[in-house]
């Protein structure tokens, strides 16, 4: 087997032709392909987007972001940044992002709670919100620290679906009562 360094994977990723209906991300040098999300997932993203004030915030779905010192180009379900921080074009640099939001899919548990948590913390993204329709709760992570694989968030707040979720960084409070859950999916044990 031939070893391929992360720079080569980045080049390959940038030139990859992706079939319709497939979402592709580069996560620490690994190309990850997933089926596009289902209805429960998309309804949650729509609900969150509608609850974040449009006047002050750009709420971008499936927008790729760039992180310094990372061979990663994740595509969060929702990226939130101040309107005045909008770059001219291209991927959004993590330095202008206020919050990234991931809605856990049936196959993304490990990515959303593990590697993406570390990647977003390494990029110093101030807030990372994981919305989990498998176990019916939200995890708000703040205060990023560290670098690389060791990066993490110092603060964690768990809110069950049905309870209000304060998002002070966005001057908003999410109503989680309409968030749906996946049926027939075995619960996991992530926080």
N, C-alpha and C. Protein backbone atom coordinates (compact mmCIF):
# COMPACT_ATOMS: atom_id res chain seq x y z
N UNK A 1 0.84 -1.17 0.00
CA UNK A 1 0.00 0.00 0.00
C UNK A 1 0.89 1.24 0.00
N UNK A 2 0.56 2.24 -0.77
CA UNK A 2 1.34 3.47 -0.87
C UNK A 2 0.81 4.49 0.12
N UNK A 3 1.71 5.10 0.86
CA UNK A 3 1.32 6.15 1.81
C UNK A 3 1.06 7.44 1.05
N UNK A 4 0.02 8.14 1.43
CA UNK A 4 -0.33 9.42 0.81
C UNK A 4 -0.43 10.44 1.93
N UNK A 5 0.35 11.53 1.82
CA UNK A 5 0.30 12.52 2.91
C UNK A 5 -0.97 13.36 2.83
N UNK A 6 -1.22 14.12 3.90
CA UNK A 6 -2.46 14.90 4.00
C UNK A 6 -2.59 15.95 2.90
N UNK A 7 -1.45 16.54 2.46
CA UNK A 7 -1.52 17.54 1.39
C UNK A 7 -2.06 16.91 0.11
N UNK A 8 -1.63 15.72 -0.19
CA UNK A 8 -2.10 15.01 -1.38
C UNK A 8 -3.59 14.71 -1.27
N UNK A 9 -4.05 14.34 -0.07
CA UNK A 9 -5.48 14.08 0.13
C UNK A 9 -6.28 15.36 -0.08
N UNK A 10 -5.73 16.50 0.34
CA UNK A 10 -6.41 17.77 0.14
C UNK A 10 -6.56 18.05 -1.35
N UNK A 11 -5.50 17.82 -2.12
CA UNK A 11 -5.57 18.02 -3.58
C UNK A 11 -6.60 17.07 -4.20
N UNK A 12 -6.56 15.82 -3.80
CA UNK A 12 -7.52 14.84 -4.31
C UNK A 12 -8.95 15.26 -3.98
N UNK A 13 -9.16 15.70 -2.75
CA UNK A 13 -10.49 16.14 -2.31
C UNK A 13 -10.99 17.30 -3.15
N UNK A 14 -10.11 18.27 -3.43
CA UNK A 14 -10.52 19.45 -4.20
C UNK A 14 -10.91 19.10 -5.63
N UNK A 15 -10.38 18.01 -6.17
CA UNK A 15 -10.68 17.63 -7.56
C UNK A 15 -11.65 16.46 -7.67
N UNK A 16 -12.20 16.04 -6.56
CA UNK A 16 -13.10 14.89 -6.54
C UNK A 16 -14.45 15.22 -7.18
N UNK A 17 -14.91 14.34 -8.06
CA UNK A 17 -16.24 14.50 -8.64
C UNK A 17 -17.20 13.66 -7.80
N UNK A 18 -18.20 14.33 -7.24
CA UNK A 18 -19.11 13.69 -6.30
C UNK A 18 -20.46 13.45 -6.96
N UNK A 19 -20.97 12.23 -6.88
CA UNK A 19 -22.29 11.97 -7.44
C UNK A 19 -23.38 12.72 -6.67
N UNK A 20 -24.46 13.03 -7.36
CA UNK A 20 -25.58 13.70 -6.72
C UNK A 20 -26.14 12.83 -5.60
N UNK A 21 -26.54 13.49 -4.51
CA UNK A 21 -27.10 12.76 -3.38
C UNK A 21 -26.06 12.28 -2.38
N UNK A 22 -24.80 12.71 -2.56
CA UNK A 22 -23.73 12.30 -1.66
C UNK A 22 -23.07 13.56 -1.10
N UNK A 23 -22.87 13.58 0.22
CA UNK A 23 -22.18 14.68 0.89
C UNK A 23 -20.75 14.21 1.18
N UNK A 24 -19.76 15.05 0.86
CA UNK A 24 -18.37 14.67 1.04
C UNK A 24 -17.66 15.73 1.88
N UNK A 25 -16.90 15.26 2.88
CA UNK A 25 -16.12 16.15 3.73
C UNK A 25 -14.70 15.62 3.83
N UNK A 26 -13.76 16.53 4.08
CA UNK A 26 -12.39 16.15 4.37
C UNK A 26 -12.19 16.36 5.86
N UNK A 27 -11.94 15.28 6.61
CA UNK A 27 -11.79 15.35 8.05
C UNK A 27 -10.43 14.78 8.43
N UNK A 28 -9.52 15.68 8.75
CA UNK A 28 -8.14 15.33 9.13
C UNK A 28 -7.50 14.38 8.12
N UNK A 29 -7.59 14.75 6.85
CA UNK A 29 -6.94 13.98 5.80
C UNK A 29 -7.73 12.79 5.30
N UNK A 30 -8.88 12.50 5.89
CA UNK A 30 -9.74 11.40 5.44
C UNK A 30 -10.92 11.95 4.67
N UNK A 31 -11.18 11.39 3.51
CA UNK A 31 -12.35 11.77 2.74
C UNK A 31 -13.52 10.92 3.22
N UNK A 32 -14.57 11.60 3.69
CA UNK A 32 -15.74 10.93 4.25
C UNK A 32 -16.94 11.21 3.35
N UNK A 33 -17.58 10.14 2.89
CA UNK A 33 -18.78 10.26 2.05
C UNK A 33 -19.98 9.75 2.81
N UNK A 34 -21.09 10.49 2.69
CA UNK A 34 -22.33 10.09 3.36
C UNK A 34 -23.51 10.33 2.42
N UNK A 35 -24.56 9.56 2.63
CA UNK A 35 -25.80 9.84 1.92
C UNK A 35 -26.35 11.17 2.42
N UNK A 36 -27.07 11.88 1.59
CA UNK A 36 -27.66 13.13 2.05
C UNK A 36 -28.65 12.85 3.17
N UNK A 37 -28.88 13.83 4.05
CA UNK A 37 -29.70 13.61 5.24
C UNK A 37 -31.18 13.35 4.92
N UNK A 38 -31.86 12.79 5.95
CA UNK A 38 -33.28 12.50 5.79
C UNK A 38 -34.15 13.68 6.26
N UNK A 39 -35.45 13.50 6.22
CA UNK A 39 -36.40 14.56 6.51
C UNK A 39 -36.31 15.08 7.94
N UNK A 40 -36.20 14.20 8.94
CA UNK A 40 -36.10 14.63 10.34
C UNK A 40 -34.92 15.58 10.51
N UNK A 41 -33.79 15.20 9.96
CA UNK A 41 -32.57 16.00 10.00
C UNK A 41 -32.82 17.38 9.38
N UNK A 42 -33.35 17.39 8.18
CA UNK A 42 -33.56 18.66 7.46
C UNK A 42 -34.59 19.56 8.14
N UNK A 43 -35.61 18.97 8.74
CA UNK A 43 -36.60 19.77 9.46
C UNK A 43 -35.99 20.45 10.67
N UNK A 44 -35.08 19.77 11.35
CA UNK A 44 -34.40 20.39 12.50
C UNK A 44 -33.53 21.55 12.03
N UNK A 45 -32.76 21.34 10.98
CA UNK A 45 -31.92 22.42 10.45
C UNK A 45 -32.78 23.62 10.07
N UNK A 46 -33.90 23.37 9.40
CA UNK A 46 -34.80 24.46 9.01
C UNK A 46 -35.33 25.20 10.23
N UNK A 47 -35.74 24.46 11.26
CA UNK A 47 -36.26 25.07 12.47
C UNK A 47 -35.22 25.96 13.15
N UNK A 48 -33.99 25.45 13.27
CA UNK A 48 -32.92 26.23 13.89
C UNK A 48 -32.65 27.49 13.08
N UNK A 49 -32.54 27.33 11.78
CA UNK A 49 -32.27 28.47 10.91
C UNK A 49 -33.35 29.54 11.07
N UNK A 50 -34.60 29.13 11.13
CA UNK A 50 -35.71 30.09 11.28
C UNK A 50 -35.68 30.82 12.61
N UNK A 51 -35.06 30.22 13.64
CA UNK A 51 -35.06 30.82 14.98
C UNK A 51 -33.87 31.73 15.25
N UNK A 52 -32.90 31.76 14.36
CA UNK A 52 -31.74 32.64 14.51
C UNK A 52 -32.04 33.92 13.72
N UNK A 53 -32.00 35.08 14.37
CA UNK A 53 -32.40 36.32 13.70
C UNK A 53 -31.60 36.61 12.44
N UNK A 54 -32.30 36.67 11.31
CA UNK A 54 -31.67 36.87 10.00
C UNK A 54 -31.01 38.24 9.87
N UNK A 55 -31.58 39.25 10.48
CA UNK A 55 -31.03 40.59 10.35
C UNK A 55 -29.58 40.69 10.81
N UNK A 56 -29.26 40.01 11.89
CA UNK A 56 -27.92 40.09 12.47
C UNK A 56 -26.99 38.98 11.97
N UNK A 57 -27.55 37.84 11.62
CA UNK A 57 -26.74 36.66 11.37
C UNK A 57 -26.95 36.05 10.00
N UNK A 58 -25.85 35.64 9.37
CA UNK A 58 -25.94 34.79 8.18
C UNK A 58 -26.08 33.37 8.70
N UNK A 59 -27.03 32.62 8.17
CA UNK A 59 -27.28 31.24 8.57
C UNK A 59 -27.15 30.39 7.32
N UNK A 60 -25.99 29.81 7.12
CA UNK A 60 -25.66 29.15 5.86
C UNK A 60 -25.68 27.63 6.01
N UNK A 61 -26.46 26.98 5.16
CA UNK A 61 -26.53 25.52 5.17
C UNK A 61 -25.46 24.95 4.27
N UNK A 62 -24.92 23.82 4.67
CA UNK A 62 -23.93 23.05 3.92
C UNK A 62 -22.85 23.93 3.29
N UNK A 63 -22.30 24.82 4.08
CA UNK A 63 -21.22 25.71 3.65
C UNK A 63 -19.89 25.14 4.15
N UNK A 64 -18.95 24.90 3.23
CA UNK A 64 -17.67 24.39 3.70
C UNK A 64 -16.88 25.50 4.38
N UNK A 65 -16.09 25.09 5.36
CA UNK A 65 -15.30 26.04 6.14
C UNK A 65 -13.84 25.62 6.09
N UNK A 66 -12.96 26.59 6.29
CA UNK A 66 -11.53 26.28 6.32
C UNK A 66 -10.98 26.55 7.71
N UNK A 67 -10.04 25.72 8.08
CA UNK A 67 -9.43 25.82 9.40
C UNK A 67 -7.91 25.82 9.23
N UNK A 68 -7.21 26.78 9.86
CA UNK A 68 -5.75 26.79 9.74
C UNK A 68 -5.14 25.57 10.41
N UNK A 69 -4.05 25.09 9.84
CA UNK A 69 -3.29 23.98 10.41
C UNK A 69 -4.08 22.67 10.46
N UNK A 70 -5.14 22.56 9.66
CA UNK A 70 -5.95 21.34 9.63
C UNK A 70 -6.10 20.88 8.19
N UNK A 71 -5.90 19.60 7.94
CA UNK A 71 -6.19 19.01 6.63
C UNK A 71 -7.67 18.60 6.67
N UNK A 72 -8.52 19.62 6.85
CA UNK A 72 -9.95 19.37 7.01
C UNK A 72 -10.75 20.45 6.31
N UNK A 73 -11.83 20.05 5.68
CA UNK A 73 -12.83 20.96 5.15
C UNK A 73 -14.20 20.39 5.49
N UNK A 74 -14.59 20.53 6.76
CA UNK A 74 -15.91 20.03 7.13
C UNK A 74 -17.01 20.88 6.52
N UNK A 75 -18.18 20.29 6.42
CA UNK A 75 -19.35 21.01 5.91
C UNK A 75 -20.44 20.87 6.97
N UNK A 76 -20.48 21.81 7.92
CA UNK A 76 -21.50 21.74 8.97
C UNK A 76 -22.90 21.86 8.38
N UNK A 77 -23.88 21.38 9.12
CA UNK A 77 -25.26 21.51 8.67
C UNK A 77 -25.69 22.97 8.64
N UNK A 78 -25.15 23.77 9.56
CA UNK A 78 -25.45 25.20 9.60
C UNK A 78 -24.23 25.94 10.14
N UNK A 79 -23.85 27.00 9.45
CA UNK A 79 -22.77 27.88 9.88
C UNK A 79 -23.39 29.24 10.15
N UNK A 80 -23.09 29.82 11.32
CA UNK A 80 -23.66 31.11 11.67
C UNK A 80 -22.52 32.11 11.88
N UNK A 81 -22.62 33.24 11.19
CA UNK A 81 -21.64 34.30 11.34
C UNK A 81 -22.33 35.65 11.23
N UNK A 82 -21.72 36.66 11.83
CA UNK A 82 -22.28 38.00 11.76
C UNK A 82 -22.29 38.47 10.31
N UNK A 83 -23.32 39.18 9.91
CA UNK A 83 -23.44 39.64 8.52
C UNK A 83 -22.24 40.46 8.08
N UNK A 84 -21.72 41.29 8.98
CA UNK A 84 -20.58 42.14 8.60
C UNK A 84 -19.28 41.35 8.48
N UNK A 85 -19.26 40.10 8.92
CA UNK A 85 -18.05 39.28 8.85
C UNK A 85 -17.97 38.46 7.57
N UNK A 86 -18.96 38.59 6.71
CA UNK A 86 -19.05 37.79 5.49
C UNK A 86 -17.83 37.99 4.59
N UNK A 87 -17.16 36.89 4.20
CA UNK A 87 -16.06 37.02 3.24
C UNK A 87 -16.62 37.23 1.83
N UNK A 88 -15.76 37.61 0.91
CA UNK A 88 -16.18 37.87 -0.47
C UNK A 88 -16.70 36.60 -1.16
N UNK A 89 -15.96 35.49 -0.99
CA UNK A 89 -16.37 34.24 -1.65
C UNK A 89 -15.60 33.08 -1.03
N UNK A 90 -15.86 31.89 -1.59
CA UNK A 90 -15.14 30.71 -1.17
C UNK A 90 -15.59 30.14 0.15
N UNK A 91 -14.82 29.18 0.67
CA UNK A 91 -15.13 28.61 1.97
C UNK A 91 -15.05 29.69 3.05
N UNK A 92 -15.77 29.49 4.13
CA UNK A 92 -15.79 30.45 5.23
C UNK A 92 -14.61 30.14 6.17
N UNK A 93 -13.74 31.12 6.43
CA UNK A 93 -12.66 30.87 7.39
C UNK A 93 -13.23 30.79 8.81
N UNK A 94 -12.71 29.85 9.59
CA UNK A 94 -13.27 29.63 10.93
C UNK A 94 -13.16 30.87 11.81
N UNK A 95 -12.24 31.76 11.53
CA UNK A 95 -12.06 32.96 12.35
C UNK A 95 -13.23 33.91 12.35
N UNK A 96 -14.14 33.80 11.38
CA UNK A 96 -15.30 34.71 11.33
C UNK A 96 -16.58 34.02 11.79
N UNK A 97 -16.50 32.75 12.10
CA UNK A 97 -17.68 31.97 12.48
C UNK A 97 -18.01 32.17 13.95
N UNK A 98 -19.28 32.33 14.26
CA UNK A 98 -19.74 32.43 15.65
C UNK A 98 -20.17 31.06 16.17
N UNK A 99 -20.89 30.29 15.34
CA UNK A 99 -21.40 28.99 15.77
C UNK A 99 -21.47 28.04 14.59
N UNK A 100 -21.10 26.78 14.82
CA UNK A 100 -21.38 25.73 13.84
C UNK A 100 -22.39 24.78 14.47
N UNK A 101 -23.28 24.25 13.64
CA UNK A 101 -24.33 23.36 14.12
C UNK A 101 -24.31 22.09 13.29
N UNK A 102 -24.30 20.97 13.98
CA UNK A 102 -24.40 19.66 13.33
C UNK A 102 -25.62 18.96 13.90
N UNK A 103 -26.43 18.39 13.02
CA UNK A 103 -27.54 17.53 13.43
C UNK A 103 -27.06 16.11 13.18
N UNK A 104 -27.04 15.32 14.23
CA UNK A 104 -26.55 13.95 14.15
C UNK A 104 -27.45 13.14 13.22
N UNK A 105 -26.84 12.42 12.29
CA UNK A 105 -27.60 11.49 11.45
C UNK A 105 -27.39 10.08 12.01
N UNK A 106 -28.04 9.14 11.41
CA UNK A 106 -27.96 7.76 11.90
C UNK A 106 -26.55 7.20 11.81
N UNK A 107 -25.72 7.77 10.94
CA UNK A 107 -24.36 7.24 10.75
C UNK A 107 -23.26 8.22 11.13
N UNK A 108 -23.60 9.41 11.66
CA UNK A 108 -22.57 10.42 11.91
C UNK A 108 -22.23 10.62 13.38
N UNK A 109 -22.69 9.77 14.26
CA UNK A 109 -22.49 9.95 15.70
C UNK A 109 -21.02 10.15 16.04
N UNK A 110 -20.17 9.24 15.59
CA UNK A 110 -18.75 9.33 15.92
C UNK A 110 -18.10 10.58 15.35
N UNK A 111 -18.45 10.93 14.13
CA UNK A 111 -17.88 12.15 13.53
C UNK A 111 -18.33 13.40 14.29
N UNK A 112 -19.62 13.52 14.56
CA UNK A 112 -20.15 14.74 15.17
C UNK A 112 -19.67 14.93 16.62
N UNK A 113 -19.64 13.85 17.39
CA UNK A 113 -19.23 13.95 18.79
C UNK A 113 -17.71 13.84 18.96
N UNK A 114 -17.02 13.28 17.99
CA UNK A 114 -15.59 13.02 18.13
C UNK A 114 -14.73 13.95 17.31
N UNK A 115 -14.45 13.55 16.08
CA UNK A 115 -13.48 14.27 15.26
C UNK A 115 -13.90 15.71 14.95
N UNK A 116 -15.19 15.94 14.69
CA UNK A 116 -15.61 17.31 14.39
C UNK A 116 -15.52 18.20 15.63
N UNK A 117 -15.80 17.64 16.79
CA UNK A 117 -15.64 18.40 18.03
C UNK A 117 -14.20 18.88 18.15
N UNK A 118 -13.26 18.00 17.91
CA UNK A 118 -11.85 18.33 17.99
C UNK A 118 -11.44 19.32 16.89
N UNK A 119 -11.93 19.10 15.68
CA UNK A 119 -11.59 19.99 14.55
C UNK A 119 -12.11 21.40 14.82
N UNK A 120 -13.37 21.54 15.21
CA UNK A 120 -13.93 22.87 15.44
C UNK A 120 -13.24 23.57 16.62
N UNK A 121 -12.90 22.82 17.66
CA UNK A 121 -12.17 23.41 18.79
C UNK A 121 -10.78 23.86 18.34
N UNK A 122 -10.10 23.04 17.54
CA UNK A 122 -8.77 23.41 17.04
C UNK A 122 -8.84 24.68 16.19
N UNK A 123 -9.95 24.88 15.50
CA UNK A 123 -10.15 26.09 14.70
C UNK A 123 -10.64 27.27 15.52
N UNK A 124 -10.77 27.09 16.83
CA UNK A 124 -11.23 28.13 17.76
C UNK A 124 -12.62 28.65 17.40
N UNK A 125 -13.48 27.77 16.86
CA UNK A 125 -14.87 28.14 16.62
C UNK A 125 -15.51 28.31 18.00
N UNK A 126 -16.04 29.50 18.31
CA UNK A 126 -16.50 29.80 19.67
C UNK A 126 -17.59 28.88 20.22
N UNK A 127 -18.49 28.42 19.36
CA UNK A 127 -19.58 27.57 19.84
C UNK A 127 -19.88 26.49 18.80
N UNK A 128 -20.05 25.27 19.31
CA UNK A 128 -20.40 24.12 18.48
C UNK A 128 -21.63 23.50 19.11
N UNK A 129 -22.72 23.47 18.34
CA UNK A 129 -23.98 22.91 18.82
C UNK A 129 -24.25 21.60 18.09
N UNK A 130 -24.37 20.53 18.87
CA UNK A 130 -24.73 19.21 18.34
C UNK A 130 -26.19 18.97 18.70
N UNK A 131 -27.01 18.76 17.69
CA UNK A 131 -28.42 18.45 17.91
C UNK A 131 -28.60 16.98 17.55
N UNK A 132 -29.05 16.19 18.53
CA UNK A 132 -29.04 14.75 18.38
C UNK A 132 -30.45 14.14 18.44
N UNK A 133 -31.03 13.85 17.25
CA UNK A 133 -32.36 13.25 17.21
C UNK A 133 -32.37 11.76 17.55
N UNK A 134 -31.23 11.19 17.84
CA UNK A 134 -31.20 9.78 18.27
C UNK A 134 -31.54 9.70 19.75
N UNK A 135 -30.94 10.59 20.56
CA UNK A 135 -31.18 10.57 22.01
C UNK A 135 -31.98 11.78 22.49
N UNK A 136 -32.47 12.58 21.57
CA UNK A 136 -33.37 13.71 21.85
C UNK A 136 -32.78 14.74 22.81
N UNK A 137 -31.54 15.16 22.49
CA UNK A 137 -30.97 16.27 23.24
C UNK A 137 -30.00 17.07 22.39
N UNK A 138 -29.66 18.25 22.89
CA UNK A 138 -28.70 19.14 22.25
C UNK A 138 -27.50 19.29 23.17
N UNK A 139 -26.31 19.38 22.59
CA UNK A 139 -25.09 19.60 23.35
C UNK A 139 -24.45 20.87 22.82
N UNK A 140 -24.39 21.89 23.67
CA UNK A 140 -23.74 23.15 23.30
C UNK A 140 -22.34 23.16 23.91
N UNK A 141 -21.35 23.26 23.05
CA UNK A 141 -19.95 23.28 23.47
C UNK A 141 -19.39 24.67 23.25
N UNK A 142 -18.72 25.21 24.26
CA UNK A 142 -18.11 26.55 24.16
C UNK A 142 -16.74 26.53 24.83
N UNK A 143 -16.02 27.60 24.68
CA UNK A 143 -14.68 27.79 25.25
C UNK A 143 -13.67 26.80 24.66
N UNK A 144 -13.37 26.93 23.36
CA UNK A 144 -12.40 26.02 22.73
C UNK A 144 -10.99 26.24 23.27
N UNK A 145 -10.25 25.13 23.42
CA UNK A 145 -8.86 25.18 23.86
C UNK A 145 -8.06 24.11 23.13
N UNK A 146 -6.76 24.33 23.02
CA UNK A 146 -5.87 23.32 22.48
C UNK A 146 -5.71 23.39 20.97
N UNK A 147 -4.91 22.44 20.48
CA UNK A 147 -4.60 22.38 19.06
C UNK A 147 -4.63 20.93 18.58
N UNK A 148 -4.84 20.78 17.28
CA UNK A 148 -4.81 19.45 16.67
C UNK A 148 -5.76 18.47 17.31
N UNK A 149 -5.33 17.22 17.37
CA UNK A 149 -6.16 16.14 17.92
C UNK A 149 -6.53 16.35 19.38
N UNK A 150 -5.74 17.13 20.10
CA UNK A 150 -5.96 17.35 21.53
C UNK A 150 -6.93 18.49 21.82
N UNK A 151 -7.35 19.22 20.80
CA UNK A 151 -8.27 20.35 21.00
C UNK A 151 -9.62 19.86 21.48
N UNK A 152 -10.26 20.68 22.31
CA UNK A 152 -11.58 20.34 22.82
C UNK A 152 -12.26 21.61 23.33
N UNK A 153 -13.45 21.46 23.85
CA UNK A 153 -14.19 22.56 24.44
C UNK A 153 -14.22 22.37 25.95
N UNK A 154 -14.04 23.45 26.69
CA UNK A 154 -14.06 23.39 28.16
C UNK A 154 -15.47 23.29 28.72
N UNK A 155 -16.43 23.97 28.09
CA UNK A 155 -17.78 24.04 28.64
C UNK A 155 -18.76 23.23 27.78
N UNK A 156 -19.66 22.53 28.46
CA UNK A 156 -20.66 21.72 27.79
C UNK A 156 -21.99 21.87 28.51
N UNK A 157 -23.04 22.13 27.73
CA UNK A 157 -24.39 22.24 28.28
C UNK A 157 -25.30 21.31 27.50
N UNK A 158 -26.00 20.42 28.20
CA UNK A 158 -26.92 19.49 27.56
C UNK A 158 -28.35 19.94 27.83
N UNK A 159 -29.14 20.01 26.77
CA UNK A 159 -30.55 20.41 26.86
C UNK A 159 -31.39 19.34 26.19
N UNK A 160 -32.38 18.82 26.88
CA UNK A 160 -33.27 17.82 26.31
C UNK A 160 -34.24 18.48 25.33
N UNK A 161 -34.64 17.74 24.30
CA UNK A 161 -35.66 18.24 23.39
C UNK A 161 -36.90 18.58 24.20
N UNK A 162 -37.51 19.70 23.90
CA UNK A 162 -38.69 20.16 24.61
C UNK A 162 -38.37 21.29 25.58
N UNK A 163 -37.10 21.42 25.97
CA UNK A 163 -36.67 22.51 26.85
C UNK A 163 -36.07 23.63 26.01
N UNK A 164 -36.18 24.88 26.46
CA UNK A 164 -35.56 25.98 25.71
C UNK A 164 -34.04 25.91 25.81
N UNK A 165 -33.38 26.26 24.72
CA UNK A 165 -31.92 26.24 24.67
C UNK A 165 -31.39 27.65 24.45
N UNK A 166 -30.85 28.29 25.49
CA UNK A 166 -30.29 29.63 25.33
C UNK A 166 -29.01 29.59 24.48
N UNK A 167 -28.94 30.51 23.53
CA UNK A 167 -27.74 30.69 22.71
C UNK A 167 -27.29 32.14 22.87
N UNK A 168 -26.65 32.48 23.99
CA UNK A 168 -26.30 33.87 24.25
C UNK A 168 -25.37 34.47 23.19
N UNK A 169 -24.52 33.65 22.57
CA UNK A 169 -23.62 34.16 21.55
C UNK A 169 -24.37 34.66 20.32
N UNK A 170 -25.62 34.23 20.15
CA UNK A 170 -26.44 34.65 19.01
C UNK A 170 -27.61 35.52 19.46
N UNK A 171 -27.66 35.82 20.74
CA UNK A 171 -28.77 36.58 21.31
C UNK A 171 -30.10 35.93 20.93
N UNK A 172 -30.15 34.61 21.12
CA UNK A 172 -31.34 33.84 20.74
C UNK A 172 -31.58 32.73 21.75
N UNK A 173 -32.79 32.19 21.70
CA UNK A 173 -33.15 31.02 22.49
C UNK A 173 -33.91 30.08 21.56
N UNK A 174 -33.42 28.84 21.44
CA UNK A 174 -34.07 27.89 20.55
C UNK A 174 -35.21 27.18 21.25
N UNK A 175 -36.33 27.09 20.57
CA UNK A 175 -37.45 26.26 20.99
C UNK A 175 -37.18 24.88 20.40
N UNK A 176 -36.87 23.92 21.24
CA UNK A 176 -36.53 22.58 20.77
C UNK A 176 -37.74 21.64 20.76
N UNK A 177 -38.91 22.15 21.13
CA UNK A 177 -40.08 21.30 21.28
C UNK A 177 -40.55 20.67 19.97
N UNK A 178 -40.20 21.27 18.84
CA UNK A 178 -40.64 20.70 17.57
C UNK A 178 -39.58 19.83 16.90
N UNK A 179 -38.44 19.62 17.55
CA UNK A 179 -37.41 18.77 16.98
C UNK A 179 -37.88 17.32 16.98
N UNK A 180 -37.80 16.68 15.83
CA UNK A 180 -38.20 15.28 15.72
C UNK A 180 -37.08 14.34 16.12
N UNK A 181 -37.42 13.07 16.23
CA UNK A 181 -36.42 12.04 16.55
C UNK A 181 -36.49 10.93 15.51
N UNK A 182 -35.40 10.19 15.39
CA UNK A 182 -35.37 9.05 14.48
C UNK A 182 -36.06 7.88 15.15
N UNK A 183 -36.81 7.15 14.38
CA UNK A 183 -37.51 5.96 14.89
C UNK A 183 -36.69 4.72 14.58
N UNK A 184 -36.65 3.79 15.52
CA UNK A 184 -35.99 2.51 15.29
C UNK A 184 -34.48 2.57 15.27
N UNK A 185 -33.87 3.62 15.84
CA UNK A 185 -32.42 3.73 15.87
C UNK A 185 -31.95 3.50 17.30
N UNK A 186 -31.00 2.62 17.45
CA UNK A 186 -30.50 2.29 18.79
C UNK A 186 -29.76 3.50 19.40
N UNK A 187 -30.12 3.90 20.62
CA UNK A 187 -29.45 5.03 21.27
C UNK A 187 -27.96 4.74 21.51
N UNK A 188 -27.16 5.78 21.48
CA UNK A 188 -25.73 5.67 21.75
C UNK A 188 -25.47 6.22 23.16
N UNK A 189 -24.22 6.21 23.58
CA UNK A 189 -23.89 6.66 24.93
C UNK A 189 -22.98 7.87 24.94
N UNK A 190 -23.07 8.68 23.93
CA UNK A 190 -22.26 9.91 23.90
C UNK A 190 -22.93 10.95 24.77
N UNK A 191 -22.13 11.91 25.28
CA UNK A 191 -22.71 12.97 26.15
C UNK A 191 -23.66 13.87 25.40
